[in-house]
Amino acid sequence: MQQMRKRTHIYTVSQVNSLIKVALEENLPSRLIVRGEISDFKHHTSGHCYFSLKDQSGILPCVMWASKFRNVKFSPEDGMAVLATGHIDVYTVGVSISSMSISWSRRVLGRFSWLSSKW
């Protein structure tokens, strides 16, 4: 009996990207709202912003294109807690952010209410 060889399929980079894109599009929501802390924020000369969102046990690479960043009403900084809306993007291998707002946690709000009671 002749032994059958298992054939290994070799993929191109484009094919792997296409497989990842289809898997993500079919299994994840088209729009995500992510709460996290900004880390490694870089505002590139092109106007694009590159950063990570992190929490206690994870980190997520993000990009915000210049056309979307123009609408942000504050200056993002490392350590700032935010709510970021976007979608998973194979090009960035992370989240492409379309909007961002400050995440007002109960702890932060508690500090402001304590300060306002002093005035």
N, C-alpha and C. Protein backbone atom coordinates (compact mmCIF):
# COMPACT_ATOMS: atom_id res chain seq x y z
N MET A 1 0.83 -1.18 0.00
CA MET A 1 0.00 0.00 0.00
C MET A 1 0.89 1.25 0.00
N GLN A 2 0.58 2.14 -0.89
CA GLN A 2 1.36 3.37 -1.01
C GLN A 2 0.90 4.38 0.04
N GLN A 3 1.87 4.97 0.73
CA GLN A 3 1.54 5.96 1.77
C GLN A 3 1.15 7.27 1.10
N MET A 4 0.02 7.82 1.55
CA MET A 4 -0.45 9.09 0.99
C MET A 4 0.21 10.24 1.74
N ARG A 5 0.70 11.18 1.00
CA ARG A 5 1.30 12.37 1.60
C ARG A 5 0.25 13.45 1.79
N LYS A 6 0.32 14.10 2.94
CA LYS A 6 -0.57 15.23 3.18
C LYS A 6 0.07 16.45 2.53
N ARG A 7 -0.70 17.12 1.75
CA ARG A 7 -0.22 18.30 1.04
C ARG A 7 -0.35 19.55 1.89
N THR A 8 0.71 20.33 2.01
CA THR A 8 0.69 21.57 2.76
C THR A 8 0.35 22.70 1.80
N HIS A 9 -0.65 23.49 2.19
CA HIS A 9 -1.02 24.63 1.36
C HIS A 9 -0.16 25.83 1.75
N ILE A 10 0.39 26.47 0.77
CA ILE A 10 1.19 27.67 1.01
C ILE A 10 0.37 28.87 0.59
N TYR A 11 0.23 29.82 1.52
CA TYR A 11 -0.58 31.02 1.30
C TYR A 11 0.31 32.21 1.00
N THR A 12 -0.21 33.13 0.21
CA THR A 12 0.47 34.42 0.03
C THR A 12 0.05 35.32 1.18
N VAL A 13 0.78 36.40 1.38
CA VAL A 13 0.43 37.37 2.42
C VAL A 13 -0.97 37.91 2.18
N SER A 14 -1.29 38.25 0.93
CA SER A 14 -2.62 38.77 0.59
C SER A 14 -3.72 37.77 0.92
N GLN A 15 -3.46 36.49 0.65
CA GLN A 15 -4.47 35.47 0.96
C GLN A 15 -4.71 35.36 2.47
N VAL A 16 -3.63 35.42 3.25
CA VAL A 16 -3.79 35.36 4.70
C VAL A 16 -4.57 36.57 5.19
N ASN A 17 -4.24 37.76 4.68
CA ASN A 17 -4.99 38.96 5.07
C ASN A 17 -6.47 38.82 4.71
N SER A 18 -6.76 38.28 3.54
CA SER A 18 -8.15 38.08 3.12
C SER A 18 -8.87 37.09 4.04
N LEU A 19 -8.20 36.00 4.42
CA LEU A 19 -8.80 35.03 5.33
C LEU A 19 -9.10 35.66 6.69
N ILE A 20 -8.16 36.45 7.20
CA ILE A 20 -8.36 37.13 8.48
C ILE A 20 -9.52 38.11 8.38
N LYS A 21 -9.54 38.89 7.30
CA LYS A 21 -10.60 39.90 7.11
C LYS A 21 -11.98 39.24 7.09
N VAL A 22 -12.13 38.16 6.34
CA VAL A 22 -13.42 37.47 6.25
C VAL A 22 -13.80 36.89 7.61
N ALA A 23 -12.85 36.27 8.31
CA ALA A 23 -13.13 35.69 9.62
C ALA A 23 -13.60 36.76 10.61
N LEU A 24 -12.95 37.90 10.58
CA LEU A 24 -13.33 38.98 11.49
C LEU A 24 -14.68 39.57 11.13
N GLU A 25 -14.90 39.82 9.84
CA GLU A 25 -16.16 40.42 9.41
C GLU A 25 -17.35 39.51 9.70
N GLU A 26 -17.14 38.20 9.60
CA GLU A 26 -18.25 37.26 9.81
C GLU A 26 -18.52 36.97 11.28
N ASN A 27 -17.54 37.24 12.16
CA ASN A 27 -17.68 36.82 13.55
C ASN A 27 -17.66 37.95 14.58
N LEU A 28 -17.44 39.17 14.15
CA LEU A 28 -17.40 40.29 15.09
C LEU A 28 -18.40 41.36 14.67
N PRO A 29 -18.86 42.15 15.64
CA PRO A 29 -19.77 43.26 15.28
C PRO A 29 -19.05 44.24 14.34
N SER A 30 -19.80 44.87 13.47
CA SER A 30 -19.21 45.83 12.53
C SER A 30 -18.79 47.11 13.24
N ARG A 31 -19.36 47.38 14.40
CA ARG A 31 -19.03 48.59 15.17
C ARG A 31 -18.82 48.19 16.62
N LEU A 32 -17.70 48.64 17.19
CA LEU A 32 -17.37 48.31 18.57
C LEU A 32 -17.18 49.60 19.37
N ILE A 33 -17.60 49.60 20.62
CA ILE A 33 -17.27 50.68 21.54
C ILE A 33 -16.38 50.05 22.60
N VAL A 34 -15.17 50.57 22.71
CA VAL A 34 -14.17 49.99 23.60
C VAL A 34 -13.81 51.00 24.69
N ARG A 35 -13.85 50.56 25.94
CA ARG A 35 -13.40 51.40 27.06
C ARG A 35 -11.99 50.96 27.41
N GLY A 36 -11.08 51.93 27.49
CA GLY A 36 -9.71 51.59 27.84
C GLY A 36 -8.90 52.82 28.16
N GLU A 37 -7.67 52.59 28.55
CA GLU A 37 -6.75 53.66 28.88
C GLU A 37 -5.76 53.84 27.73
N ILE A 38 -5.56 55.08 27.31
CA ILE A 38 -4.65 55.37 26.20
C ILE A 38 -3.21 55.10 26.65
N SER A 39 -2.46 54.48 25.75
CA SER A 39 -1.06 54.19 26.00
C SER A 39 -0.27 54.43 24.71
N ASP A 40 0.93 54.93 24.83
CA ASP A 40 1.84 55.15 23.67
C ASP A 40 1.20 56.02 22.59
N PHE A 41 0.50 57.08 22.97
CA PHE A 41 -0.17 57.95 22.01
C PHE A 41 0.84 58.73 21.18
N LYS A 42 0.69 58.65 19.85
CA LYS A 42 1.55 59.39 18.93
C LYS A 42 0.68 60.07 17.88
N HIS A 43 0.79 61.38 17.79
CA HIS A 43 0.09 62.16 16.77
C HIS A 43 1.10 62.42 15.66
N HIS A 44 0.97 61.70 14.57
CA HIS A 44 1.92 61.78 13.46
C HIS A 44 1.76 63.09 12.70
N THR A 45 2.80 63.51 12.01
CA THR A 45 2.74 64.75 11.22
C THR A 45 1.68 64.69 10.14
N SER A 46 1.29 63.50 9.72
CA SER A 46 0.23 63.34 8.72
C SER A 46 -1.14 63.67 9.30
N GLY A 47 -1.22 63.75 10.63
CA GLY A 47 -2.50 63.99 11.29
C GLY A 47 -3.11 62.73 11.86
N HIS A 48 -2.59 61.56 11.43
CA HIS A 48 -3.08 60.28 11.96
C HIS A 48 -2.57 60.09 13.38
N CYS A 49 -3.32 59.35 14.19
CA CYS A 49 -2.91 59.07 15.57
C CYS A 49 -2.76 57.56 15.75
N TYR A 50 -1.69 57.19 16.38
CA TYR A 50 -1.40 55.79 16.66
C TYR A 50 -1.28 55.64 18.17
N PHE A 51 -1.96 54.65 18.73
CA PHE A 51 -1.95 54.45 20.18
C PHE A 51 -2.46 53.05 20.50
N SER A 52 -2.43 52.71 21.76
CA SER A 52 -3.01 51.46 22.23
C SER A 52 -4.06 51.80 23.27
N LEU A 53 -5.04 50.93 23.38
CA LEU A 53 -6.00 50.99 24.47
C LEU A 53 -5.71 49.77 25.34
N LYS A 54 -5.64 49.98 26.64
CA LYS A 54 -5.33 48.86 27.52
C LYS A 54 -6.23 48.86 28.73
N ASP A 55 -6.31 47.69 29.35
CA ASP A 55 -6.96 47.54 30.64
C ASP A 55 -6.06 46.64 31.48
N GLN A 56 -6.60 46.09 32.57
CA GLN A 56 -5.79 45.31 33.49
C GLN A 56 -5.12 44.11 32.84
N SER A 57 -5.75 43.51 31.85
CA SER A 57 -5.20 42.26 31.32
C SER A 57 -5.04 42.22 29.80
N GLY A 58 -5.19 43.35 29.12
CA GLY A 58 -5.06 43.31 27.68
C GLY A 58 -4.64 44.63 27.08
N ILE A 59 -4.17 44.55 25.84
CA ILE A 59 -3.77 45.75 25.10
C ILE A 59 -4.23 45.59 23.65
N LEU A 60 -4.71 46.68 23.07
CA LEU A 60 -5.28 46.65 21.72
C LEU A 60 -4.68 47.78 20.90
N PRO A 61 -3.94 47.48 19.83
CA PRO A 61 -3.38 48.55 18.99
C PRO A 61 -4.50 49.26 18.22
N CYS A 62 -4.37 50.58 18.10
CA CYS A 62 -5.41 51.39 17.45
C CYS A 62 -4.79 52.43 16.53
N VAL A 63 -5.57 52.85 15.57
CA VAL A 63 -5.21 53.99 14.71
C VAL A 63 -6.46 54.85 14.58
N MET A 64 -6.25 56.15 14.52
CA MET A 64 -7.35 57.07 14.24
C MET A 64 -6.87 57.97 13.11
N TRP A 65 -7.52 57.85 11.96
CA TRP A 65 -7.10 58.61 10.79
C TRP A 65 -7.36 60.10 11.00
N ALA A 66 -6.58 60.91 10.35
CA ALA A 66 -6.65 62.38 10.50
C ALA A 66 -8.07 62.90 10.27
N SER A 67 -8.76 62.37 9.28
CA SER A 67 -10.11 62.84 8.97
C SER A 67 -11.08 62.63 10.13
N LYS A 68 -10.85 61.60 10.94
CA LYS A 68 -11.69 61.34 12.11
C LYS A 68 -11.17 62.11 13.33
N PHE A 69 -9.84 62.23 13.45
CA PHE A 69 -9.25 62.88 14.62
C PHE A 69 -9.63 64.36 14.69
N ARG A 70 -9.89 64.98 13.53
CA ARG A 70 -10.28 66.40 13.52
C ARG A 70 -11.53 66.66 14.36
N ASN A 71 -12.36 65.64 14.55
CA ASN A 71 -13.61 65.79 15.29
C ASN A 71 -13.47 65.57 16.79
N VAL A 72 -12.31 65.15 17.26
CA VAL A 72 -12.11 64.91 18.68
C VAL A 72 -12.01 66.25 19.39
N LYS A 73 -12.77 66.42 20.46
CA LYS A 73 -12.90 67.71 21.15
C LYS A 73 -11.97 67.87 22.35
N PHE A 74 -10.96 67.03 22.49
CA PHE A 74 -10.01 67.12 23.59
C PHE A 74 -8.65 66.64 23.09
N SER A 75 -7.62 66.81 23.89
CA SER A 75 -6.27 66.37 23.52
C SER A 75 -5.96 65.06 24.22
N PRO A 76 -6.03 63.95 23.49
CA PRO A 76 -5.75 62.65 24.11
C PRO A 76 -4.32 62.59 24.67
N GLU A 77 -4.18 61.93 25.80
CA GLU A 77 -2.89 61.77 26.46
C GLU A 77 -2.78 60.36 27.03
N ASP A 78 -1.54 59.89 27.18
CA ASP A 78 -1.31 58.60 27.83
C ASP A 78 -1.94 58.61 29.21
N GLY A 79 -2.57 57.51 29.57
CA GLY A 79 -3.18 57.37 30.89
C GLY A 79 -4.63 57.82 30.95
N MET A 80 -5.12 58.48 29.90
CA MET A 80 -6.49 58.98 29.87
C MET A 80 -7.45 57.82 29.58
N ALA A 81 -8.52 57.73 30.37
CA ALA A 81 -9.55 56.72 30.13
C ALA A 81 -10.54 57.25 29.10
N VAL A 82 -10.80 56.45 28.05
CA VAL A 82 -11.67 56.89 26.96
C VAL A 82 -12.64 55.80 26.56
N LEU A 83 -13.68 56.21 25.85
CA LEU A 83 -14.56 55.31 25.11
C LEU A 83 -14.25 55.56 23.64
N ALA A 84 -13.83 54.53 22.94
CA ALA A 84 -13.45 54.66 21.54
C ALA A 84 -14.37 53.81 20.69
N THR A 85 -14.93 54.41 19.65
CA THR A 85 -15.82 53.70 18.73
C THR A 85 -15.06 53.42 17.45
N GLY A 86 -15.18 52.21 16.95
CA GLY A 86 -14.47 51.88 15.72
C GLY A 86 -14.81 50.48 15.24
N HIS A 87 -13.94 49.95 14.40
CA HIS A 87 -14.12 48.61 13.87
C HIS A 87 -12.76 47.92 13.76
N ILE A 88 -12.78 46.60 13.82
CA ILE A 88 -11.55 45.83 13.65
C ILE A 88 -11.11 45.99 12.21
N ASP A 89 -9.82 46.24 12.02
CA ASP A 89 -9.29 46.51 10.69
C ASP A 89 -8.03 45.68 10.46
N VAL A 90 -8.05 44.87 9.42
CA VAL A 90 -6.90 44.02 9.12
C VAL A 90 -5.68 44.86 8.76
N TYR A 91 -5.89 46.00 8.10
CA TYR A 91 -4.76 46.85 7.71
C TYR A 91 -3.96 47.28 8.92
N THR A 92 -4.65 47.64 9.99
CA THR A 92 -3.97 48.11 11.19
C THR A 92 -3.71 46.99 12.18
N VAL A 93 -4.27 45.82 11.93
CA VAL A 93 -4.23 44.70 12.87
C VAL A 93 -4.62 45.20 14.26
N GLY A 94 -5.74 45.82 14.31
CA GLY A 94 -6.25 46.37 15.56
C GLY A 94 -7.57 47.04 15.30
N VAL A 95 -7.81 48.14 15.98
CA VAL A 95 -9.07 48.84 15.85
C VAL A 95 -8.86 50.17 15.16
N SER A 96 -9.64 50.40 14.12
CA SER A 96 -9.65 51.69 13.44
C SER A 96 -10.71 52.53 14.14
N ILE A 97 -10.27 53.59 14.83
CA ILE A 97 -11.15 54.39 15.68
C ILE A 97 -11.79 55.51 14.86
N SER A 98 -13.11 55.66 15.00
CA SER A 98 -13.81 56.72 14.28
C SER A 98 -14.23 57.87 15.20
N SER A 99 -14.35 57.61 16.51
CA SER A 99 -14.67 58.68 17.45
C SER A 99 -14.15 58.29 18.83
N MET A 100 -13.98 59.31 19.68
CA MET A 100 -13.44 59.07 21.01
C MET A 100 -14.00 60.10 21.98
N SER A 101 -14.29 59.65 23.19
CA SER A 101 -14.73 60.57 24.24
C SER A 101 -14.08 60.15 25.54
N ILE A 102 -14.03 61.09 26.48
CA ILE A 102 -13.48 60.79 27.78
C ILE A 102 -14.43 59.86 28.51
N SER A 103 -13.89 58.85 29.16
CA SER A 103 -14.69 57.91 29.94
C SER A 103 -14.74 58.41 31.38
N TRP A 104 -15.91 58.88 31.79
CA TRP A 104 -16.07 59.41 33.13
C TRP A 104 -16.47 58.28 34.06
N SER A 105 -15.47 57.68 34.70
CA SER A 105 -15.75 56.59 35.63
C SER A 105 -16.36 57.14 36.91
N ARG A 106 -16.97 56.29 37.69
CA ARG A 106 -17.57 56.71 38.96
C ARG A 106 -16.49 57.29 39.87
N ARG A 107 -15.30 56.71 39.81
CA ARG A 107 -14.21 57.20 40.66
C ARG A 107 -13.84 58.63 40.29
N VAL A 108 -13.73 58.91 38.99
CA VAL A 108 -13.38 60.27 38.53
C VAL A 108 -14.51 61.23 38.87
N LEU A 109 -15.75 60.84 38.59
CA LEU A 109 -16.89 61.70 38.89
C LEU A 109 -16.97 61.99 40.39
N GLY A 110 -16.66 60.99 41.20
CA GLY A 110 -16.65 61.18 42.64
C GLY A 110 -15.66 62.24 43.07
N ARG A 111 -14.51 62.28 42.42
CA ARG A 111 -13.51 63.30 42.74
C ARG A 111 -14.02 64.69 42.39
N PHE A 112 -14.69 64.83 41.25
CA PHE A 112 -15.21 66.13 40.86
C PHE A 112 -16.33 66.58 41.79
N SER A 113 -17.20 65.68 42.20
CA SER A 113 -18.29 66.08 43.10
C SER A 113 -17.72 66.47 44.45
N TRP A 114 -16.65 65.82 44.88
CA TRP A 114 -16.00 66.18 46.14
C TRP A 114 -15.40 67.58 46.04
N LEU A 115 -14.76 67.89 44.90
CA LEU A 115 -14.19 69.21 44.71
C LEU A 115 -15.27 70.29 44.66
N SER A 116 -16.36 70.02 43.94
CA SER A 116 -17.42 71.02 43.81
C SER A 116 -18.10 71.31 45.14
N SER A 117 -18.12 70.35 46.06
CA SER A 117 -18.74 70.59 47.36
C SER A 117 -17.88 71.50 48.23
N LYS A 118 -16.60 71.65 47.89
CA LYS A 118 -15.69 72.52 48.64
C LYS A 118 -15.87 73.99 48.26
N TRP A 119 -16.52 74.25 47.12
CA TRP A 119 -16.66 75.64 46.66
C TRP A 119 -17.95 76.19 47.04
